[in-house]
């Protein structure tokens, strides 16, 4: 952590400003660097959650999104898409094939 921030909330506030909304948190721009003024920004927590290293990114027809966003867009649950990929389905089939018993 950036020593001036540890020692003084006022310094942190001067460098980062107030939290824009309750749904914002601090994100490091480069995860390999520390929390310091030139490497931090305020970001919505929902957006920050997309930046986790554990997220799975899938690409289809020139578009790349994380699994959670594909699930929202397609209406197919994350669990179903993940299982389909795990069972050897192509990304295209996993994201486009209708669920059994559901109209396409």
PDB file of N, CA and C in Angstrom:
ATOM      1  N   UNK A   1       0.841  -1.175   0.000  1.00  0.00           N
ATOM      2  CA  UNK A   1       0.000   0.000   0.000  1.00  0.00           C
ATOM      3  C   UNK A   1       0.886   1.238   0.000  1.00  0.00           C
ATOM      4  N   UNK A   2       0.426   2.260  -0.618  1.00  0.00           N
ATOM      5  CA  UNK A   2       1.105   3.539  -0.739  1.00  0.00           C
ATOM      6  C   UNK A   2       1.203   4.180   0.652  1.00  0.00           C
ATOM      7  N   UNK A   3       2.429   4.336   1.164  1.00  0.00           N
ATOM      8  CA  UNK A   3       2.636   4.823   2.539  1.00  0.00           C
ATOM      9  C   UNK A   3       1.879   6.102   2.872  1.00  0.00           C
ATOM     10  N   UNK A   4       1.876   7.116   1.994  1.00  0.00           N
ATOM     11  CA  UNK A   4       1.126   8.324   2.348  1.00  0.00           C
ATOM     12  C   UNK A   4      -0.367   8.049   2.580  1.00  0.00           C
ATOM     13  N   UNK A   5      -0.937   7.065   1.875  1.00  0.00           N
ATOM     14  CA  UNK A   5      -2.341   6.716   2.081  1.00  0.00           C
ATOM     15  C   UNK A   5      -2.538   6.012   3.419  1.00  0.00           C
ATOM     16  N   UNK A   6      -1.598   5.153   3.784  1.00  0.00           N
ATOM     17  CA  UNK A   6      -1.692   4.442   5.055  1.00  0.00           C
ATOM     18  C   UNK A   6      -1.665   5.430   6.212  1.00  0.00           C
ATOM     19  N   UNK A   7      -0.850   6.436   6.083  1.00  0.00           N
ATOM     20  CA  UNK A   7      -0.637   7.386   7.164  1.00  0.00           C
ATOM     21  C   UNK A   7      -1.623   8.552   7.195  1.00  0.00           C
ATOM     22  N   UNK A   8      -2.365   8.753   6.090  1.00  0.00           N
ATOM     23  CA  UNK A   8      -3.228   9.934   6.055  1.00  0.00           C
ATOM     24  C   UNK A   8      -4.419   9.724   5.112  1.00  0.00           C
ATOM     25  N   UNK A   9      -5.607   9.634   5.695  1.00  0.00           N
ATOM     26  CA  UNK A   9      -6.810   9.536   4.879  1.00  0.00           C
ATOM     27  C   UNK A   9      -6.977  10.796   4.032  1.00  0.00           C
ATOM     28  N   UNK A  10      -6.565  11.933   4.567  1.00  0.00           N
ATOM     29  CA  UNK A  10      -6.671  13.194   3.830  1.00  0.00           C
ATOM     30  C   UNK A  10      -5.867  13.147   2.534  1.00  0.00           C
ATOM     31  N   UNK A  11      -4.690  12.524   2.585  1.00  0.00           N
ATOM     32  CA  UNK A  11      -3.865  12.381   1.379  1.00  0.00           C
ATOM     33  C   UNK A  11      -4.563  11.477   0.368  1.00  0.00           C
ATOM     34  N   UNK A  12      -5.127  10.369   0.858  1.00  0.00           N
ATOM     35  CA  UNK A  12      -5.886   9.473  -0.021  1.00  0.00           C
ATOM     36  C   UNK A  12      -7.026  10.237  -0.682  1.00  0.00           C
ATOM     37  N   UNK A  13      -7.777  10.970   0.104  1.00  0.00           N
ATOM     38  CA  UNK A  13      -8.920  11.719  -0.415  1.00  0.00           C
ATOM     39  C   UNK A  13      -8.486  12.773  -1.429  1.00  0.00           C
ATOM     40  N   UNK A  14      -7.369  13.430  -1.185  1.00  0.00           N
ATOM     41  CA  UNK A  14      -6.849  14.430  -2.120  1.00  0.00           C
ATOM     42  C   UNK A  14      -6.460  13.764  -3.449  1.00  0.00           C
ATOM     43  N   UNK A  15      -5.851  12.581  -3.368  1.00  0.00           N
ATOM     44  CA  UNK A  15      -5.398  11.882  -4.569  1.00  0.00           C
ATOM     45  C   UNK A  15      -6.539  11.231  -5.355  1.00  0.00           C
ATOM     46  N   UNK A  16      -7.479  10.610  -4.655  1.00  0.00           N
ATOM     47  CA  UNK A  16      -8.516   9.819  -5.319  1.00  0.00           C
ATOM     48  C   UNK A  16      -9.870  10.508  -5.395  1.00  0.00           C
ATOM     49  N   UNK A  17     -10.093  11.468  -4.528  1.00  0.00           N
ATOM     50  CA  UNK A  17     -11.411  12.089  -4.481  1.00  0.00           C
ATOM     51  C   UNK A  17     -12.393  11.202  -3.739  1.00  0.00           C
ATOM     52  N   UNK A  18     -13.594  11.742  -3.532  1.00  0.00           N
ATOM     53  CA  UNK A  18     -14.623  10.967  -2.836  1.00  0.00           C
ATOM     54  C   UNK A  18     -15.138   9.842  -3.719  1.00  0.00           C
ATOM     55  N   UNK A  19     -15.608   8.797  -3.078  1.00  0.00           N
ATOM     56  CA  UNK A  19     -16.235   7.678  -3.772  1.00  0.00           C
ATOM     57  C   UNK A  19     -17.432   8.227  -4.554  1.00  0.00           C
ATOM     58  N   UNK A  20     -17.477   8.004  -5.888  1.00  0.00           N
ATOM     59  CA  UNK A  20     -18.558   8.595  -6.685  1.00  0.00           C
ATOM     60  C   UNK A  20     -19.956   8.155  -6.253  1.00  0.00           C
ATOM     61  N   UNK A  21     -20.128   6.865  -5.962  1.00  0.00           N
ATOM     62  CA  UNK A  21     -21.416   6.332  -5.497  1.00  0.00           C
ATOM     63  C   UNK A  21     -21.118   5.183  -4.533  1.00  0.00           C
ATOM     64  N   UNK A  22     -22.111   4.737  -3.784  1.00  0.00           N
ATOM     65  CA  UNK A  22     -21.889   3.595  -2.888  1.00  0.00           C
ATOM     66  C   UNK A  22     -21.512   2.307  -3.636  1.00  0.00           C
ATOM     67  N   UNK A  23     -21.819   2.235  -4.920  1.00  0.00           N
ATOM     68  CA  UNK A  23     -21.514   1.017  -5.677  1.00  0.00           C
ATOM     69  C   UNK A  23     -20.138   1.063  -6.355  1.00  0.00           C
ATOM     70  N   UNK A  24     -19.323   2.028  -6.010  1.00  0.00           N
ATOM     71  CA  UNK A  24     -17.963   2.120  -6.545  1.00  0.00           C
ATOM     72  C   UNK A  24     -16.958   1.555  -5.544  1.00  0.00           C
ATOM     73  N   UNK A  25     -15.860   1.044  -6.078  1.00  0.00           N
ATOM     74  CA  UNK A  25     -14.729   0.631  -5.244  1.00  0.00           C
ATOM     75  C   UNK A  25     -13.452   0.961  -6.010  1.00  0.00           C
ATOM     76  N   UNK A  26     -12.339   0.811  -5.326  1.00  0.00           N
ATOM     77  CA  UNK A  26     -11.056   1.142  -5.960  1.00  0.00           C
ATOM     78  C   UNK A  26     -10.531  -0.072  -6.711  1.00  0.00           C
ATOM     79  N   UNK A  27     -10.043   0.165  -7.908  1.00  0.00           N
ATOM     80  CA  UNK A  27      -9.435  -0.891  -8.705  1.00  0.00           C
ATOM     81  C   UNK A  27      -8.030  -0.462  -9.094  1.00  0.00           C
ATOM     82  N   UNK A  28      -7.117  -1.443  -9.052  1.00  0.00           N
ATOM     83  CA  UNK A  28      -5.776  -1.186  -9.561  1.00  0.00           C
ATOM     84  C   UNK A  28      -5.801  -1.344 -11.076  1.00  0.00           C
ATOM     85  N   UNK A  29      -5.232  -0.426 -11.780  1.00  0.00           N
ATOM     86  CA  UNK A  29      -5.167  -0.474 -13.240  1.00  0.00           C
ATOM     87  C   UNK A  29      -4.262  -1.619 -13.673  1.00  0.00           C
ATOM     88  N   UNK A  30      -3.119  -1.768 -13.048  1.00  0.00           N
ATOM     89  CA  UNK A  30      -2.190  -2.869 -13.286  1.00  0.00           C
ATOM     90  C   UNK A  30      -2.150  -3.701 -12.012  1.00  0.00           C
ATOM     91  N   UNK A  31      -2.709  -4.922 -12.066  1.00  0.00           N
ATOM     92  CA  UNK A  31      -2.813  -5.747 -10.860  1.00  0.00           C
ATOM     93  C   UNK A  31      -1.460  -6.175 -10.316  1.00  0.00           C
ATOM     94  N   UNK A  32      -0.419  -6.005 -11.099  1.00  0.00           N
ATOM     95  CA  UNK A  32       0.920  -6.378 -10.644  1.00  0.00           C
ATOM     96  C   UNK A  32       1.620  -5.237  -9.899  1.00  0.00           C
ATOM     97  N   UNK A  33       0.951  -4.089  -9.838  1.00  0.00           N
ATOM     98  CA  UNK A  33       1.495  -2.936  -9.118  1.00  0.00           C
ATOM     99  C   UNK A  33       0.633  -2.661  -7.897  1.00  0.00           C
ATOM    100  N   UNK A  34       1.104  -1.799  -7.023  1.00  0.00           N
ATOM    101  CA  UNK A  34       0.415  -1.524  -5.770  1.00  0.00           C
ATOM    102  C   UNK A  34      -0.690  -0.501  -5.883  1.00  0.00           C
ATOM    103  N   UNK A  35      -1.290  -0.236  -4.716  1.00  0.00           N
ATOM    104  CA  UNK A  35      -2.307   0.793  -4.595  1.00  0.00           C
ATOM    105  C   UNK A  35      -1.608   2.129  -4.411  1.00  0.00           C
ATOM    106  N   UNK A  36      -1.595   2.917  -5.469  1.00  0.00           N
ATOM    107  CA  UNK A  36      -0.968   4.234  -5.444  1.00  0.00           C
ATOM    108  C   UNK A  36      -1.701   5.116  -6.445  1.00  0.00           C
ATOM    109  N   UNK A  37      -1.562   6.423  -6.349  1.00  0.00           N
ATOM    110  CA  UNK A  37      -2.378   7.338  -7.162  1.00  0.00           C
ATOM    111  C   UNK A  37      -2.387   7.053  -8.661  1.00  0.00           C
ATOM    112  N   UNK A  38      -1.255   6.748  -9.253  1.00  0.00           N
ATOM    113  CA  UNK A  38      -1.210   6.548 -10.710  1.00  0.00           C
ATOM    114  C   UNK A  38      -1.668   5.162 -11.141  1.00  0.00           C
ATOM    115  N   UNK A  39      -2.012   4.301 -10.184  1.00  0.00           N
ATOM    116  CA  UNK A  39      -2.406   2.937 -10.526  1.00  0.00           C
ATOM    117  C   UNK A  39      -3.796   2.594 -10.000  1.00  0.00           C
ATOM    118  N   UNK A  40      -4.557   3.576  -9.574  1.00  0.00           N
ATOM    119  CA  UNK A  40      -5.886   3.299  -9.025  1.00  0.00           C
ATOM    120  C   UNK A  40      -6.936   4.171  -9.682  1.00  0.00           C
ATOM    121  N   UNK A  41      -8.149   3.639  -9.717  1.00  0.00           N
ATOM    122  CA  UNK A  41      -9.292   4.403 -10.224  1.00  0.00           C
ATOM    123  C   UNK A  41     -10.545   3.895  -9.526  1.00  0.00           C
ATOM    124  N   UNK A  42     -11.574   4.720  -9.502  1.00  0.00           N
ATOM    125  CA  UNK A  42     -12.869   4.314  -8.998  1.00  0.00           C
ATOM    126  C   UNK A  42     -13.592   3.563 -10.111  1.00  0.00           C
ATOM    127  N   UNK A  43     -14.253   2.470  -9.759  1.00  0.00           N
ATOM    128  CA  UNK A  43     -14.978   1.668 -10.746  1.00  0.00           C
ATOM    129  C   UNK A  43     -16.202   1.059 -10.080  1.00  0.00           C
ATOM    130  N   UNK A  44     -17.257   0.888 -10.850  1.00  0.00           N
ATOM    131  CA  UNK A  44     -18.456   0.225 -10.331  1.00  0.00           C
ATOM    132  C   UNK A  44     -18.093  -1.207  -9.933  1.00  0.00           C
ATOM    133  N   UNK A  45     -18.594  -1.677  -8.807  1.00  0.00           N
ATOM    134  CA  UNK A  45     -18.262  -3.019  -8.333  1.00  0.00           C
ATOM    135  C   UNK A  45     -18.677  -4.097  -9.339  1.00  0.00           C
ATOM    136  N   UNK A  46     -19.785  -3.886 -10.033  1.00  0.00           N
ATOM    137  CA  UNK A  46     -20.225  -4.865 -11.026  1.00  0.00           C
ATOM    138  C   UNK A  46     -19.206  -4.995 -12.156  1.00  0.00           C
ATOM    139  N   UNK A  47     -18.621  -3.867 -12.564  1.00  0.00           N
ATOM    140  CA  UNK A  47     -17.582  -3.901 -13.594  1.00  0.00           C
ATOM    141  C   UNK A  47     -16.300  -4.529 -13.055  1.00  0.00           C
ATOM    142  N   UNK A  48     -15.967  -4.211 -11.810  1.00  0.00           N
ATOM    143  CA  UNK A  48     -14.751  -4.747 -11.220  1.00  0.00           C
ATOM    144  C   UNK A  48     -14.825  -6.264 -11.125  1.00  0.00           C
ATOM    145  N   UNK A  49     -15.999  -6.790 -10.846  1.00  0.00           N
ATOM    146  CA  UNK A  49     -16.159  -8.246 -10.735  1.00  0.00           C
ATOM    147  C   UNK A  49     -15.823  -8.943 -12.049  1.00  0.00           C
ATOM    148  N   UNK A  50     -15.989  -8.243 -13.161  1.00  0.00           N
ATOM    149  CA  UNK A  50     -15.681  -8.830 -14.467  1.00  0.00           C
ATOM    150  C   UNK A  50     -14.178  -8.957 -14.705  1.00  0.00           C
ATOM    151  N   UNK A  51     -13.381  -8.270 -13.910  1.00  0.00           N
ATOM    152  CA  UNK A  51     -11.936  -8.263 -14.125  1.00  0.00           C
ATOM    153  C   UNK A  51     -11.186  -9.325 -13.339  1.00  0.00           C
ATOM    154  N   UNK A  52     -11.887 -10.213 -12.681  1.00  0.00           N
ATOM    155  CA  UNK A  52     -11.227 -11.257 -11.904  1.00  0.00           C
ATOM    156  C   UNK A  52     -10.505 -12.227 -12.836  1.00  0.00           C
ATOM    157  N   UNK A  53      -9.374 -12.705 -12.386  1.00  0.00           N
ATOM    158  CA  UNK A  53      -8.605 -13.647 -13.197  1.00  0.00           C
ATOM    159  C   UNK A  53      -9.337 -14.963 -13.418  1.00  0.00           C
ATOM    160  N   UNK A  54     -10.275 -15.282 -12.532  1.00  0.00           N
ATOM    161  CA  UNK A  54     -10.995 -16.551 -12.638  1.00  0.00           C
ATOM    162  C   UNK A  54     -12.129 -16.515 -13.660  1.00  0.00           C
ATOM    163  N   UNK A  55     -12.458 -15.346 -14.191  1.00  0.00           N
ATOM    164  CA  UNK A  55     -13.517 -15.257 -15.194  1.00  0.00           C
ATOM    165  C   UNK A  55     -13.118 -15.993 -16.460  1.00  0.00           C
ATOM    166  N   UNK A  56     -14.111 -16.598 -17.088  1.00  0.00           N
ATOM    167  CA  UNK A  56     -13.910 -17.298 -18.351  1.00  0.00           C
ATOM    168  C   UNK A  56     -14.400 -16.398 -19.474  1.00  0.00           C
ATOM    169  N   UNK A  57     -13.552 -16.153 -20.458  1.00  0.00           N
ATOM    170  CA  UNK A  57     -13.930 -15.347 -21.613  1.00  0.00           C
ATOM    171  C   UNK A  57     -14.185 -16.266 -22.796  1.00  0.00           C
ATOM    172  N   UNK A  58     -15.308 -16.080 -23.450  1.00  0.00           N
ATOM    173  CA  UNK A  58     -15.657 -16.869 -24.637  1.00  0.00           C
ATOM    174  C   UNK A  58     -15.810 -15.926 -25.824  1.00  0.00           C
ATOM    175  N   UNK A  59     -15.397 -16.404 -26.995  1.00  0.00           N
ATOM    176  CA  UNK A  59     -15.485 -15.600 -28.209  1.00  0.00           C
ATOM    177  C   UNK A  59     -16.366 -16.297 -29.229  1.00  0.00           C
ATOM    178  N   UNK A  60     -17.234 -15.521 -29.844  1.00  0.00           N
ATOM    179  CA  UNK A  60     -18.118 -16.044 -30.876  1.00  0.00           C
ATOM    180  C   UNK A  60     -18.380 -14.935 -31.889  1.00  0.00           C
ATOM    181  N   UNK A  61     -18.167 -15.261 -33.153  1.00  0.00           N
ATOM    182  CA  UNK A  61     -18.418 -14.319 -34.252  1.00  0.00           C
ATOM    183  C   UNK A  61     -17.736 -12.967 -34.026  1.00  0.00           C
ATOM    184  N   UNK A  62     -16.500 -12.992 -33.566  1.00  0.00           N
ATOM    185  CA  UNK A  62     -15.712 -11.779 -33.389  1.00  0.00           C
ATOM    186  C   UNK A  62     -16.005 -11.001 -32.122  1.00  0.00           C
ATOM    187  N   UNK A  63     -16.868 -11.519 -31.264  1.00  0.00           N
ATOM    188  CA  UNK A  63     -17.184 -10.860 -29.993  1.00  0.00           C
ATOM    189  C   UNK A  63     -16.646 -11.698 -28.844  1.00  0.00           C
ATOM    190  N   UNK A  64     -16.014 -11.053 -27.898  1.00  0.00           N
ATOM    191  CA  UNK A  64     -15.512 -11.729 -26.706  1.00  0.00           C
ATOM    192  C   UNK A  64     -16.159 -11.111 -25.478  1.00  0.00           C
ATOM    193  N   UNK A  65     -16.712 -11.975 -24.630  1.00  0.00           N
ATOM    194  CA  UNK A  65     -17.327 -11.529 -23.383  1.00  0.00           C
ATOM    195  C   UNK A  65     -17.088 -12.588 -22.321  1.00  0.00           C
ATOM    196  N   UNK A  66     -17.237 -12.181 -21.069  1.00  0.00           N
ATOM    197  CA  UNK A  66     -17.123 -13.169 -20.013  1.00  0.00           C
ATOM    198  C   UNK A  66     -18.397 -14.016 -19.989  1.00  0.00           C
ATOM    199  N   UNK A  67     -18.265 -15.196 -19.414  1.00  0.00           N
ATOM    200  CA  UNK A  67     -19.361 -16.158 -19.370  1.00  0.00           C
ATOM    201  C   UNK A  67     -20.646 -15.543 -18.798  1.00  0.00           C
ATOM    202  N   UNK A  68     -20.536 -14.777 -17.742  1.00  0.00           N
ATOM    203  CA  UNK A  68     -21.725 -14.171 -17.118  1.00  0.00           C
ATOM    204  C   UNK A  68     -22.480 -13.283 -18.103  1.00  0.00           C
ATOM    205  N   UNK A  69     -21.759 -12.531 -18.926  1.00  0.00           N
ATOM    206  CA  UNK A  69     -22.413 -11.653 -19.899  1.00  0.00           C
ATOM    207  C   UNK A  69     -23.057 -12.458 -21.026  1.00  0.00           C
ATOM    208  N   UNK A  70     -22.387 -13.539 -21.465  1.00  0.00           N
ATOM    209  CA  UNK A  70     -23.008 -14.399 -22.474  1.00  0.00           C
ATOM    210  C   UNK A  70     -24.301 -15.003 -21.925  1.00  0.00           C
ATOM    211  N   UNK A  71     -24.281 -15.418 -20.656  1.00  0.00           N
ATOM    212  CA  UNK A  71     -25.474 -16.006 -20.050  1.00  0.00           C
ATOM    213  C   UNK A  71     -26.631 -15.004 -20.061  1.00  0.00           C
ATOM    214  N   UNK A  72     -26.353 -13.756 -19.697  1.00  0.00           N
ATOM    215  CA  UNK A  72     -27.393 -12.726 -19.714  1.00  0.00           C
ATOM    216  C   UNK A  72     -27.926 -12.511 -21.120  1.00  0.00           C
ATOM    217  N   UNK A  73     -27.012 -12.476 -22.077  1.00  0.00           N
ATOM    218  CA  UNK A  73     -27.424 -12.192 -23.459  1.00  0.00           C
ATOM    219  C   UNK A  73     -28.221 -13.333 -24.083  1.00  0.00           C
ATOM    220  N   UNK A  74     -27.805 -14.578 -23.799  1.00  0.00           N
ATOM    221  CA  UNK A  74     -28.439 -15.730 -24.453  1.00  0.00           C
ATOM    222  C   UNK A  74     -29.632 -16.289 -23.690  1.00  0.00           C
ATOM    223  N   UNK A  75     -29.711 -15.993 -22.396  1.00  0.00           N
ATOM    224  CA  UNK A  75     -30.768 -16.584 -21.586  1.00  0.00           C
ATOM    225  C   UNK A  75     -30.453 -18.012 -21.152  1.00  0.00           C
ATOM    226  N   UNK A  76     -29.238 -18.459 -21.443  1.00  0.00           N
ATOM    227  CA  UNK A  76     -28.782 -19.786 -21.018  1.00  0.00           C
ATOM    228  C   UNK A  76     -27.935 -19.580 -19.767  1.00  0.00           C
ATOM    229  N   UNK A  77     -28.178 -20.361 -18.735  1.00  0.00           N
ATOM    230  CA  UNK A  77     -27.480 -20.132 -17.473  1.00  0.00           C
ATOM    231  C   UNK A  77     -25.975 -20.358 -17.606  1.00  0.00           C
ATOM    232  N   UNK A  78     -25.226 -19.693 -16.718  1.00  0.00           N
ATOM    233  CA  UNK A  78     -23.768 -19.888 -16.682  1.00  0.00           C
ATOM    234  C   UNK A  78     -23.436 -21.356 -16.469  1.00  0.00           C
ATOM    235  N   UNK A  79     -24.179 -22.010 -15.580  1.00  0.00           N
ATOM    236  CA  UNK A  79     -23.920 -23.425 -15.283  1.00  0.00           C
ATOM    237  C   UNK A  79     -24.103 -24.294 -16.519  1.00  0.00           C
ATOM    238  N   UNK A  80     -25.131 -24.015 -17.303  1.00  0.00           N
ATOM    239  CA  UNK A  80     -25.388 -24.801 -18.513  1.00  0.00           C
ATOM    240  C   UNK A  80     -24.306 -24.563 -19.555  1.00  0.00           C
ATOM    241  N   UNK A  81     -23.944 -23.312 -19.766  1.00  0.00           N
ATOM    242  CA  UNK A  81     -22.880 -23.012 -20.734  1.00  0.00           C
ATOM    243  C   UNK A  81     -21.580 -23.678 -20.299  1.00  0.00           C
ATOM    244  N   UNK A  82     -21.234 -23.551 -19.025  1.00  0.00           N
ATOM    245  CA  UNK A  82     -20.001 -24.172 -18.511  1.00  0.00           C
ATOM    246  C   UNK A  82     -20.014 -25.677 -18.706  1.00  0.00           C
ATOM    247  N   UNK A  83     -21.139 -26.310 -18.376  1.00  0.00           N
ATOM    248  CA  UNK A  83     -21.241 -27.764 -18.525  1.00  0.00           C
ATOM    249  C   UNK A  83     -21.096 -28.170 -19.991  1.00  0.00           C
ATOM    250  N   UNK A  84     -21.720 -27.424 -20.873  1.00  0.00           N
ATOM    251  CA  UNK A  84     -21.623 -27.742 -22.297  1.00  0.00           C
ATOM    252  C   UNK A  84     -20.169 -27.675 -22.767  1.00  0.00           C
ATOM    253  N   UNK A  85     -19.456 -26.638 -22.365  1.00  0.00           N
ATOM    254  CA  UNK A  85     -18.048 -26.502 -22.749  1.00  0.00           C
ATOM    255  C   UNK A  85     -17.241 -27.661 -22.158  1.00  0.00           C
ATOM    256  N   UNK A  86     -17.496 -27.974 -20.882  1.00  0.00           N
ATOM    257  CA  UNK A  86     -16.787 -29.063 -20.202  1.00  0.00           C
ATOM    258  C   UNK A  86     -17.031 -30.407 -20.902  1.00  0.00           C
ATOM    259  N   UNK A  87     -18.234 -30.599 -21.441  1.00  0.00           N
ATOM    260  CA  UNK A  87     -18.559 -31.845 -22.135  1.00  0.00           C
ATOM    261  C   UNK A  87     -18.106 -31.860 -23.588  1.00  0.00           C
ATOM    262  N   UNK A  88     -17.376 -30.816 -24.004  1.00  0.00           N
ATOM    263  CA  UNK A  88     -16.779 -30.822 -25.331  1.00  0.00           C
ATOM    264  C   UNK A  88     -17.565 -30.111 -26.412  1.00  0.00           C
ATOM    265  N   UNK A  89     -18.620 -29.396 -26.044  1.00  0.00           N
ATOM    266  CA  UNK A  89     -19.379 -28.653 -27.039  1.00  0.00           C
ATOM    267  C   UNK A  89     -18.516 -27.512 -27.575  1.00  0.00           C
ATOM    268  N   UNK A  90     -18.738 -27.136 -28.806  1.00  0.00           N
ATOM    269  CA  UNK A  90     -18.081 -25.942 -29.340  1.00  0.00           C
ATOM    270  C   UNK A  90     -18.684 -24.724 -28.649  1.00  0.00           C
ATOM    271  N   UNK A  91     -17.946 -23.626 -28.668  1.00  0.00           N
ATOM    272  CA  UNK A  91     -18.460 -22.392 -28.073  1.00  0.00           C
ATOM    273  C   UNK A  91     -19.751 -21.983 -28.771  1.00  0.00           C
ATOM    274  N   UNK A  92     -19.760 -22.081 -30.092  1.00  0.00           N
ATOM    275  CA  UNK A  92     -20.966 -21.695 -30.828  1.00  0.00           C
ATOM    276  C   UNK A  92     -22.176 -22.510 -30.388  1.00  0.00           C
ATOM    277  N   UNK A  93     -22.032 -23.833 -30.318  1.00  0.00           N
ATOM    278  CA  UNK A  93     -23.154 -24.664 -29.887  1.00  0.00           C
ATOM    279  C   UNK A  93     -23.542 -24.372 -28.440  1.00  0.00           C
ATOM    280  N   UNK A  94     -22.553 -24.206 -27.576  1.00  0.00           N
ATOM    281  CA  UNK A  94     -22.837 -23.946 -26.163  1.00  0.00           C
ATOM    282  C   UNK A  94     -23.645 -22.665 -25.969  1.00  0.00           C
ATOM    283  N   UNK A  95     -23.407 -21.682 -26.839  1.00  0.00           N
ATOM    284  CA  UNK A  95     -24.071 -20.390 -26.697  1.00  0.00           C
ATOM    285  C   UNK A  95     -25.343 -20.241 -27.526  1.00  0.00           C
ATOM    286  N   UNK A  96     -25.554 -21.152 -28.491  1.00  0.00           N
ATOM    287  CA  UNK A  96     -26.688 -20.943 -29.392  1.00  0.00           C
ATOM    288  C   UNK A  96     -27.718 -22.059 -29.390  1.00  0.00           C
ATOM    289  N   UNK A  97     -27.372 -23.260 -28.990  1.00  0.00           N
ATOM    290  CA  UNK A  97     -28.327 -24.362 -29.022  1.00  0.00           C
ATOM    291  C   UNK A  97     -29.391 -24.150 -27.949  1.00  0.00           C
ATOM    292  N   UNK A  98     -30.662 -24.279 -28.328  1.00  0.00           N
ATOM    293  CA  UNK A  98     -31.713 -24.093 -27.333  1.00  0.00           C
ATOM    294  C   UNK A  98     -31.672 -25.189 -26.273  1.00  0.00           C
ATOM    295  N   UNK A  99     -32.204 -24.866 -25.116  1.00  0.00           N
ATOM    296  CA  UNK A  99     -32.287 -25.856 -24.044  1.00  0.00           C
ATOM    297  C   UNK A  99     -33.307 -26.910 -24.428  1.00  0.00           C
ATOM    298  N   UNK A 100     -33.088 -28.146 -24.001  1.00  0.00           N
ATOM    299  CA  UNK A 100     -34.036 -29.224 -24.284  1.00  0.00           C
ATOM    300  C   UNK A 100     -35.398 -28.844 -23.743  1.00  0.00           C
ATOM    301  N   UNK A 101     -36.420 -29.034 -24.556  1.00  0.00           N
ATOM    302  CA  UNK A 101     -37.769 -28.749 -24.109  1.00  0.00           C
ATOM    303  C   UNK A 101     -38.169 -27.286 -24.181  1.00  0.00           C
ATOM    304  N   UNK A 102     -37.241 -26.448 -24.657  1.00  0.00           N
ATOM    305  CA  UNK A 102     -37.545 -25.021 -24.791  1.00  0.00           C
ATOM    306  C   UNK A 102     -37.548 -24.659 -26.279  1.00  0.00           C
ATOM    307  N   UNK A 103     -38.481 -23.865 -26.687  1.00  0.00           N
ATOM    308  CA  UNK A 103     -38.477 -23.455 -28.110  1.00  0.00           C
ATOM    309  C   UNK A 103     -37.259 -22.599 -28.414  1.00  0.00           C
ATOM    310  N   UNK A 104     -36.808 -22.663 -29.663  1.00  0.00           N
ATOM    311  CA  UNK A 104     -35.641 -21.865 -30.055  1.00  0.00           C
ATOM    312  C   UNK A 104     -36.018 -20.464 -30.414  1.00  0.00           C
TER     313      UNK A 104
END
